[in-house]
Amino acid sequence: IVKSILAGMLIGCGCLAYVVIENKYIGSFLFS
C-alpha cells in the first residue's frame, strides 16, 4: 500500500512540474 501510494505521489510531483514550467521540454524532462 505504502509503495503504491508513494509511487503515485511521485507522479503527482511530475504532473506539477509539467504544468507549472512553461517550457514543456524542461517540464517533461523533470517529470521523468
PDB file of all heavy atoms in Angstrom:
ATOM      1  N   ILE A   1       0.834  -1.208   0.000  1.00  0.00           N
ATOM      2  CA  ILE A   1       0.000   0.000   0.000  1.00  0.00           C
ATOM      3  C   ILE A   1       0.865   1.253   0.000  1.00  0.00           C
ATOM      4  O   ILE A   1       0.658   2.178  -0.800  1.00  0.00           O
ATOM      5  CB  ILE A   1      -0.950  -0.005   1.220  1.00  0.00           C
ATOM      6  CG1 ILE A   1      -1.976  -1.128   1.090  1.00  0.00           C
ATOM      7  CG2 ILE A   1      -1.652   1.346   1.364  1.00  0.00           C
ATOM      8  CD1 ILE A   1      -2.808  -1.351   2.338  1.00  0.00           C
ATOM      9  N   VAL A   2       1.856   1.287   0.891  1.00  0.00           N
ATOM     10  CA  VAL A   2       2.715   2.466   1.011  1.00  0.00           C
ATOM     11  C   VAL A   2       3.496   2.705  -0.275  1.00  0.00           C
ATOM     12  O   VAL A   2       3.572   3.837  -0.784  1.00  0.00           O
ATOM     13  CB  VAL A   2       3.680   2.317   2.206  1.00  0.00           C
ATOM     14  CG1 VAL A   2       4.727   3.430   2.201  1.00  0.00           C
ATOM     15  CG2 VAL A   2       2.900   2.329   3.519  1.00  0.00           C
ATOM     16  N   LYS A   3       4.073   1.650  -0.843  1.00  0.00           N
ATOM     17  CA  LYS A   3       4.877   1.803  -2.066  1.00  0.00           C
ATOM     18  C   LYS A   3       4.015   2.220  -3.256  1.00  0.00           C
ATOM     19  O   LYS A   3       4.501   2.917  -4.160  1.00  0.00           O
ATOM     20  CB  LYS A   3       5.611   0.500  -2.376  1.00  0.00           C
ATOM     21  CG  LYS A   3       6.782   0.223  -1.439  1.00  0.00           C
ATOM     22  CD  LYS A   3       7.519  -1.041  -1.846  1.00  0.00           C
ATOM     23  CE  LYS A   3       8.748  -1.267  -0.978  1.00  0.00           C
ATOM     24  NZ  LYS A   3       9.503  -2.465  -1.391  1.00  0.00           N
ATOM     25  N   SER A   4       2.766   1.802  -3.266  1.00  0.00           N
ATOM     26  CA  SER A   4       1.868   2.184  -4.357  1.00  0.00           C
ATOM     27  C   SER A   4       1.455   3.646  -4.238  1.00  0.00           C
ATOM     28  O   SER A   4       1.417   4.382  -5.227  1.00  0.00           O
ATOM     29  CB  SER A   4       0.632   1.285  -4.363  1.00  0.00           C
ATOM     30  OG  SER A   4       0.982  -0.066  -4.574  1.00  0.00           O
ATOM     31  N   ILE A   5       1.143   4.083  -3.019  1.00  0.00           N
ATOM     32  CA  ILE A   5       0.763   5.481  -2.808  1.00  0.00           C
ATOM     33  C   ILE A   5       1.952   6.412  -3.060  1.00  0.00           C
ATOM     34  O   ILE A   5       1.812   7.467  -3.700  1.00  0.00           O
ATOM     35  CB  ILE A   5       0.206   5.687  -1.388  1.00  0.00           C
ATOM     36  CG1 ILE A   5      -1.126   4.939  -1.232  1.00  0.00           C
ATOM     37  CG2 ILE A   5       0.003   7.173  -1.097  1.00  0.00           C
ATOM     38  CD1 ILE A   5      -1.702   4.979   0.164  1.00  0.00           C
ATOM     39  N   LEU A   6       3.136   6.009  -2.585  1.00  0.00           N
ATOM     40  CA  LEU A   6       4.325   6.835  -2.803  1.00  0.00           C
ATOM     41  C   LEU A   6       4.649   6.962  -4.289  1.00  0.00           C
ATOM     42  O   LEU A   6       5.071   8.033  -4.750  1.00  0.00           O
ATOM     43  CB  LEU A   6       5.521   6.252  -2.056  1.00  0.00           C
ATOM     44  CG  LEU A   6       5.504   6.416  -0.531  1.00  0.00           C
ATOM     45  CD1 LEU A   6       6.690   5.683   0.093  1.00  0.00           C
ATOM     46  CD2 LEU A   6       5.512   7.887  -0.131  1.00  0.00           C
ATOM     47  N   ALA A   7       4.452   5.889  -5.033  1.00  0.00           N
ATOM     48  CA  ALA A   7       4.669   5.956  -6.485  1.00  0.00           C
ATOM     49  C   ALA A   7       3.731   6.988  -7.097  1.00  0.00           C
ATOM     50  O   ALA A   7       4.139   7.808  -7.933  1.00  0.00           O
ATOM     51  CB  ALA A   7       4.439   4.582  -7.117  1.00  0.00           C
ATOM     52  N   GLY A   8       2.475   6.957  -6.666  1.00  0.00           N
ATOM     53  CA  GLY A   8       1.518   7.937  -7.163  1.00  0.00           C
ATOM     54  C   GLY A   8       1.899   9.360  -6.794  1.00  0.00           C
ATOM     55  O   GLY A   8       1.771  10.285  -7.608  1.00  0.00           O
ATOM     56  N   MET A   9       2.391   9.547  -5.597  1.00  0.00           N
ATOM     57  CA  MET A   9       2.784  10.880  -5.154  1.00  0.00           C
ATOM     58  C   MET A   9       3.939  11.426  -5.986  1.00  0.00           C
ATOM     59  O   MET A   9       3.982  12.618  -6.305  1.00  0.00           O
ATOM     60  CB  MET A   9       3.153  10.850  -3.672  1.00  0.00           C
ATOM     61  CG  MET A   9       1.966  10.541  -2.769  1.00  0.00           C
ATOM     62  SD  MET A   9       2.375  10.403  -1.011  1.00  0.00           S
ATOM     63  CE  MET A   9       2.597  12.136  -0.603  1.00  0.00           C
ATOM     64  N   LEU A  10       4.867  10.557  -6.363  1.00  0.00           N
ATOM     65  CA  LEU A  10       5.973  10.987  -7.220  1.00  0.00           C
ATOM     66  C   LEU A  10       5.471  11.390  -8.603  1.00  0.00           C
ATOM     67  O   LEU A  10       5.954  12.373  -9.186  1.00  0.00           O
ATOM     68  CB  LEU A  10       7.012   9.869  -7.333  1.00  0.00           C
ATOM     69  CG  LEU A  10       7.883   9.670  -6.092  1.00  0.00           C
ATOM     70  CD1 LEU A  10       8.631   8.344  -6.169  1.00  0.00           C
ATOM     71  CD2 LEU A  10       8.868  10.824  -5.942  1.00  0.00           C
ATOM     72  N   ILE A  11       4.505  10.650  -9.131  1.00  0.00           N
ATOM     73  CA  ILE A  11       3.909  11.027 -10.415  1.00  0.00           C
ATOM     74  C   ILE A  11       3.172  12.357 -10.271  1.00  0.00           C
ATOM     75  O   ILE A  11       3.192  13.201 -11.176  1.00  0.00           O
ATOM     76  CB  ILE A  11       2.955   9.931 -10.923  1.00  0.00           C
ATOM     77  CG1 ILE A  11       3.727   8.631 -11.184  1.00  0.00           C
ATOM     78  CG2 ILE A  11       2.245  10.388 -12.206  1.00  0.00           C
ATOM     79  CD1 ILE A  11       4.815   8.727 -12.227  1.00  0.00           C
ATOM     80  N   GLY A  12       2.540  12.571  -9.115  1.00  0.00           N
ATOM     81  CA  GLY A  12       1.871  13.840  -8.858  1.00  0.00           C
ATOM     82  C   GLY A  12       2.837  15.015  -8.897  1.00  0.00           C
ATOM     83  O   GLY A  12       2.512  16.088  -9.420  1.00  0.00           O
ATOM     84  N   CYS A  13       4.029  14.822  -8.345  1.00  0.00           N
ATOM     85  CA  CYS A  13       5.067  15.858  -8.408  1.00  0.00           C
ATOM     86  C   CYS A  13       5.473  16.117  -9.858  1.00  0.00           C
ATOM     87  O   CYS A  13       5.707  17.272 -10.261  1.00  0.00           O
ATOM     88  CB  CYS A  13       6.280  15.445  -7.587  1.00  0.00           C
ATOM     89  SG  CYS A  13       5.985  15.406  -5.803  1.00  0.00           S
ATOM     90  N   GLY A  14       5.547  15.040 -10.642  1.00  0.00           N
ATOM     91  CA  GLY A  14       5.868  15.193 -12.060  1.00  0.00           C
ATOM     92  C   GLY A  14       4.791  15.980 -12.796  1.00  0.00           C
ATOM     93  O   GLY A  14       5.096  16.814 -13.652  1.00  0.00           O
ATOM     94  N   CYS A  15       3.541  15.719 -12.458  1.00  0.00           N
ATOM     95  CA  CYS A  15       2.426  16.466 -13.062  1.00  0.00           C
ATOM     96  C   CYS A  15       2.557  17.953 -12.767  1.00  0.00           C
ATOM     97  O   CYS A  15       2.354  18.804 -13.642  1.00  0.00           O
ATOM     98  CB  CYS A  15       1.097  15.952 -12.521  1.00  0.00           C
ATOM     99  SG  CYS A  15       0.646  14.292 -13.044  1.00  0.00           S
ATOM    100  N   LEU A  16       2.897  18.265 -11.520  1.00  0.00           N
ATOM    101  CA  LEU A  16       3.056  19.663 -11.134  1.00  0.00           C
ATOM    102  C   LEU A  16       4.162  20.328 -11.941  1.00  0.00           C
ATOM    103  O   LEU A  16       3.986  21.434 -12.463  1.00  0.00           O
ATOM    104  CB  LEU A  16       3.373  19.760  -9.640  1.00  0.00           C
ATOM    105  CG  LEU A  16       3.626  21.182  -9.133  1.00  0.00           C
ATOM    106  CD1 LEU A  16       2.343  21.987  -9.122  1.00  0.00           C
ATOM    107  CD2 LEU A  16       4.253  21.165  -7.743  1.00  0.00           C
ATOM    108  N   ALA A  17       5.295  19.647 -12.062  1.00  0.00           N
ATOM    109  CA  ALA A  17       6.415  20.217 -12.810  1.00  0.00           C
ATOM    110  C   ALA A  17       6.015  20.503 -14.253  1.00  0.00           C
ATOM    111  O   ALA A  17       6.323  21.572 -14.797  1.00  0.00           O
ATOM    112  CB  ALA A  17       7.607  19.267 -12.771  1.00  0.00           C
ATOM    113  N   TYR A  18       5.314  19.568 -14.865  1.00  0.00           N
ATOM    114  CA  TYR A  18       4.924  19.739 -16.267  1.00  0.00           C
ATOM    115  C   TYR A  18       3.964  20.907 -16.432  1.00  0.00           C
ATOM    116  O   TYR A  18       4.043  21.657 -17.420  1.00  0.00           O
ATOM    117  CB  TYR A  18       4.285  18.461 -16.796  1.00  0.00           C
ATOM    118  CG  TYR A  18       3.896  18.564 -18.248  1.00  0.00           C
ATOM    119  CD1 TYR A  18       4.869  18.629 -19.245  1.00  0.00           C
ATOM    120  CD2 TYR A  18       2.564  18.627 -18.624  1.00  0.00           C
ATOM    121  CE1 TYR A  18       4.521  18.744 -20.577  1.00  0.00           C
ATOM    122  CE2 TYR A  18       2.205  18.740 -19.954  1.00  0.00           C
ATOM    123  CZ  TYR A  18       3.181  18.806 -20.928  1.00  0.00           C
ATOM    124  OH  TYR A  18       2.829  18.930 -22.243  1.00  0.00           O
ATOM    125  N   VAL A  19       3.044  21.082 -15.487  1.00  0.00           N
ATOM    126  CA  VAL A  19       2.044  22.144 -15.593  1.00  0.00           C
ATOM    127  C   VAL A  19       2.647  23.511 -15.270  1.00  0.00           C
ATOM    128  O   VAL A  19       2.365  24.501 -15.954  1.00  0.00           O
ATOM    129  CB  VAL A  19       0.846  21.858 -14.654  1.00  0.00           C
ATOM    130  CG1 VAL A  19      -0.087  23.060 -14.568  1.00  0.00           C
ATOM    131  CG2 VAL A  19       0.082  20.631 -15.135  1.00  0.00           C
ATOM    132  N   VAL A  20       3.464  23.589 -14.243  1.00  0.00           N
ATOM    133  CA  VAL A  20       3.985  24.870 -13.765  1.00  0.00           C
ATOM    134  C   VAL A  20       5.062  25.430 -14.684  1.00  0.00           C
ATOM    135  O   VAL A  20       5.117  26.642 -14.933  1.00  0.00           O
ATOM    136  CB  VAL A  20       4.539  24.716 -12.329  1.00  0.00           C
ATOM    137  CG1 VAL A  20       5.324  25.954 -11.908  1.00  0.00           C
ATOM    138  CG2 VAL A  20       3.395  24.470 -11.355  1.00  0.00           C
ATOM    139  N   ILE A  21       5.928  24.552 -15.200  1.00  0.00           N
ATOM    140  CA  ILE A  21       7.058  25.019 -16.012  1.00  0.00           C
ATOM    141  C   ILE A  21       6.584  25.331 -17.423  1.00  0.00           C
ATOM    142  O   ILE A  21       6.003  24.474 -18.107  1.00  0.00           O
ATOM    143  CB  ILE A  21       8.176  23.964 -16.029  1.00  0.00           C
ATOM    144  CG1 ILE A  21       8.714  23.762 -14.608  1.00  0.00           C
ATOM    145  CG2 ILE A  21       9.303  24.382 -16.967  1.00  0.00           C
ATOM    146  CD1 ILE A  21       9.657  22.598 -14.457  1.00  0.00           C
ATOM    147  N   GLU A  22       6.822  26.540 -17.864  1.00  0.00           N
ATOM    148  CA  GLU A  22       6.320  26.988 -19.164  1.00  0.00           C
ATOM    149  C   GLU A  22       6.962  26.227 -20.318  1.00  0.00           C
ATOM    150  O   GLU A  22       6.297  25.895 -21.306  1.00  0.00           O
ATOM    151  CB  GLU A  22       6.566  28.494 -19.321  1.00  0.00           C
ATOM    152  CG  GLU A  22       5.934  29.082 -20.564  1.00  0.00           C
ATOM    153  CD  GLU A  22       6.073  30.599 -20.620  1.00  0.00           C
ATOM    154  OE1 GLU A  22       6.523  31.186 -19.621  1.00  0.00           O
ATOM    155  OE2 GLU A  22       5.738  31.172 -21.671  1.00  0.00           O
ATOM    156  N   ASN A  23       8.249  25.966 -20.216  1.00  0.00           N
ATOM    157  CA  ASN A  23       8.949  25.213 -21.263  1.00  0.00           C
ATOM    158  C   ASN A  23       8.625  23.729 -21.095  1.00  0.00           C
ATOM    159  O   ASN A  23       9.067  23.093 -20.141  1.00  0.00           O
ATOM    160  CB  ASN A  23      10.458  25.439 -21.153  1.00  0.00           C
ATOM    161  CG  ASN A  23      11.233  24.815 -22.293  1.00  0.00           C
ATOM    162  OD1 ASN A  23      11.024  23.663 -22.646  1.00  0.00           O
ATOM    163  ND2 ASN A  23      12.156  25.579 -22.864  1.00  0.00           N
ATOM    164  N   LYS A  24       7.845  23.180 -22.021  1.00  0.00           N
ATOM    165  CA  LYS A  24       7.361  21.811 -21.878  1.00  0.00           C
ATOM    166  C   LYS A  24       8.459  20.771 -22.052  1.00  0.00           C
ATOM    167  O   LYS A  24       8.322  19.632 -21.585  1.00  0.00           O
ATOM    168  CB  LYS A  24       6.210  21.540 -22.853  1.00  0.00           C
ATOM    169  CG  LYS A  24       4.981  22.401 -22.557  1.00  0.00           C
ATOM    170  CD  LYS A  24       4.577  22.311 -21.090  1.00  0.00           C
ATOM    171  CE  LYS A  24       3.457  23.236 -20.709  1.00  0.00           C
ATOM    172  NZ  LYS A  24       3.195  23.262 -19.245  1.00  0.00           N
ATOM    173  N   TYR A  25       9.552  21.128 -22.720  1.00  0.00           N
ATOM    174  CA  TYR A  25      10.680  20.203 -22.838  1.00  0.00           C
ATOM    175  C   TYR A  25      11.332  20.019 -21.468  1.00  0.00           C
ATOM    176  O   TYR A  25      11.666  18.901 -21.066  1.00  0.00           O
ATOM    177  CB  TYR A  25      11.698  20.715 -23.856  1.00  0.00           C
ATOM    178  CG  TYR A  25      11.163  20.739 -25.265  1.00  0.00           C
ATOM    179  CD1 TYR A  25      10.655  21.912 -25.817  1.00  0.00           C
ATOM    180  CD2 TYR A  25      11.141  19.578 -26.037  1.00  0.00           C
ATOM    181  CE1 TYR A  25      10.142  21.933 -27.109  1.00  0.00           C
ATOM    182  CE2 TYR A  25      10.638  19.588 -27.333  1.00  0.00           C
ATOM    183  CZ  TYR A  25      10.132  20.769 -27.856  1.00  0.00           C
ATOM    184  OH  TYR A  25       9.610  20.776 -29.123  1.00  0.00           O
ATOM    185  N   ILE A  26      11.484  21.121 -20.750  1.00  0.00           N
ATOM    186  CA  ILE A  26      12.055  21.034 -19.402  1.00  0.00           C
ATOM    187  C   ILE A  26      11.065  20.351 -18.463  1.00  0.00           C
ATOM    188  O   ILE A  26      11.440  19.507 -17.642  1.00  0.00           O
ATOM    189  CB  ILE A  26      12.419  22.439 -18.868  1.00  0.00           C
ATOM    190  CG1 ILE A  26      13.504  23.060 -19.742  1.00  0.00           C
ATOM    191  CG2 ILE A  26      12.875  22.360 -17.404  1.00  0.00           C
ATOM    192  CD1 ILE A  26      13.862  24.488 -19.367  1.00  0.00           C
ATOM    193  N   GLY A  27       9.785  20.688 -18.601  1.00  0.00           N
ATOM    194  CA  GLY A  27       8.761  20.080 -17.759  1.00  0.00           C
ATOM    195  C   GLY A  27       8.691  18.573 -17.926  1.00  0.00           C
ATOM    196  O   GLY A  27       8.611  17.829 -16.939  1.00  0.00           O
ATOM    197  N   SER A  28       8.741  18.107 -19.168  1.00  0.00           N
ATOM    198  CA  SER A  28       8.690  16.664 -19.408  1.00  0.00           C
ATOM    199  C   SER A  28       9.972  15.977 -18.958  1.00  0.00           C
ATOM    200  O   SER A  28       9.950  14.831 -18.498  1.00  0.00           O
ATOM    201  CB  SER A  28       8.432  16.383 -20.901  1.00  0.00           C
ATOM    202  OG  SER A  28       9.455  16.946 -21.708  1.00  0.00           O
ATOM    203  N   PHE A  29      11.093  16.694 -19.076  1.00  0.00           N
ATOM    204  CA  PHE A  29      12.370  16.157 -18.592  1.00  0.00           C
ATOM    205  C   PHE A  29      12.312  15.934 -17.078  1.00  0.00           C
ATOM    206  O   PHE A  29      12.697  14.868 -16.570  1.00  0.00           O
ATOM    207  CB  PHE A  29      13.503  17.114 -18.949  1.00  0.00           C
ATOM    208  CG  PHE A  29      14.840  16.724 -18.391  1.00  0.00           C
ATOM    209  CD1 PHE A  29      15.625  15.767 -19.013  1.00  0.00           C
ATOM    210  CD2 PHE A  29      15.323  17.326 -17.231  1.00  0.00           C
ATOM    211  CE1 PHE A  29      16.862  15.401 -18.490  1.00  0.00           C
ATOM    212  CE2 PHE A  29      16.554  16.972 -16.706  1.00  0.00           C
ATOM    213  CZ  PHE A  29      17.328  16.006 -17.335  1.00  0.00           C
ATOM    214  N   LEU A  30      11.807  16.916 -16.350  1.00  0.00           N
ATOM    215  CA  LEU A  30      11.728  16.800 -14.894  1.00  0.00           C
ATOM    216  C   LEU A  30      10.662  15.788 -14.469  1.00  0.00           C
ATOM    217  O   LEU A  30      10.783  15.176 -13.404  1.00  0.00           O
ATOM    218  CB  LEU A  30      11.444  18.170 -14.281  1.00  0.00           C
ATOM    219  CG  LEU A  30      12.579  19.186 -14.416  1.00  0.00           C
ATOM    220  CD1 LEU A  30      12.173  20.528 -13.833  1.00  0.00           C
ATOM    221  CD2 LEU A  30      13.849  18.676 -13.747  1.00  0.00           C
ATOM    222  N   PHE A  31       9.643  15.614 -15.283  1.00  0.00           N
ATOM    223  CA  PHE A  31       8.621  14.610 -14.984  1.00  0.00           C
ATOM    224  C   PHE A  31       9.259  13.230 -14.843  1.00  0.00           C
ATOM    225  O   PHE A  31       8.833  12.414 -14.024  1.00  0.00           O
ATOM    226  CB  PHE A  31       7.571  14.593 -16.101  1.00  0.00           C
ATOM    227  CG  PHE A  31       6.374  13.723 -15.825  1.00  0.00           C
ATOM    228  CD1 PHE A  31       5.177  14.285 -15.424  1.00  0.00           C
ATOM    229  CD2 PHE A  31       6.433  12.338 -15.967  1.00  0.00           C
ATOM    230  CE1 PHE A  31       4.061  13.497 -15.169  1.00  0.00           C
ATOM    231  CE2 PHE A  31       5.340  11.544 -15.710  1.00  0.00           C
ATOM    232  CZ  PHE A  31       4.150  12.117 -15.304  1.00  0.00           C
ATOM    233  N   SER A  32      10.281  12.974 -15.646  1.00  0.00           N
ATOM    234  CA  SER A  32      10.921  11.654 -15.644  1.00  0.00           C
ATOM    235  C   SER A  32      11.615  11.334 -14.325  1.00  0.00           C
ATOM    236  O   SER A  32      11.875  10.172 -14.026  1.00  0.00           O
ATOM    237  CB  SER A  32      11.922  11.541 -16.795  1.00  0.00           C
ATOM    238  OG  SER A  32      12.987  12.463 -16.627  1.00  0.00           O
TER     239      SER A  32
END
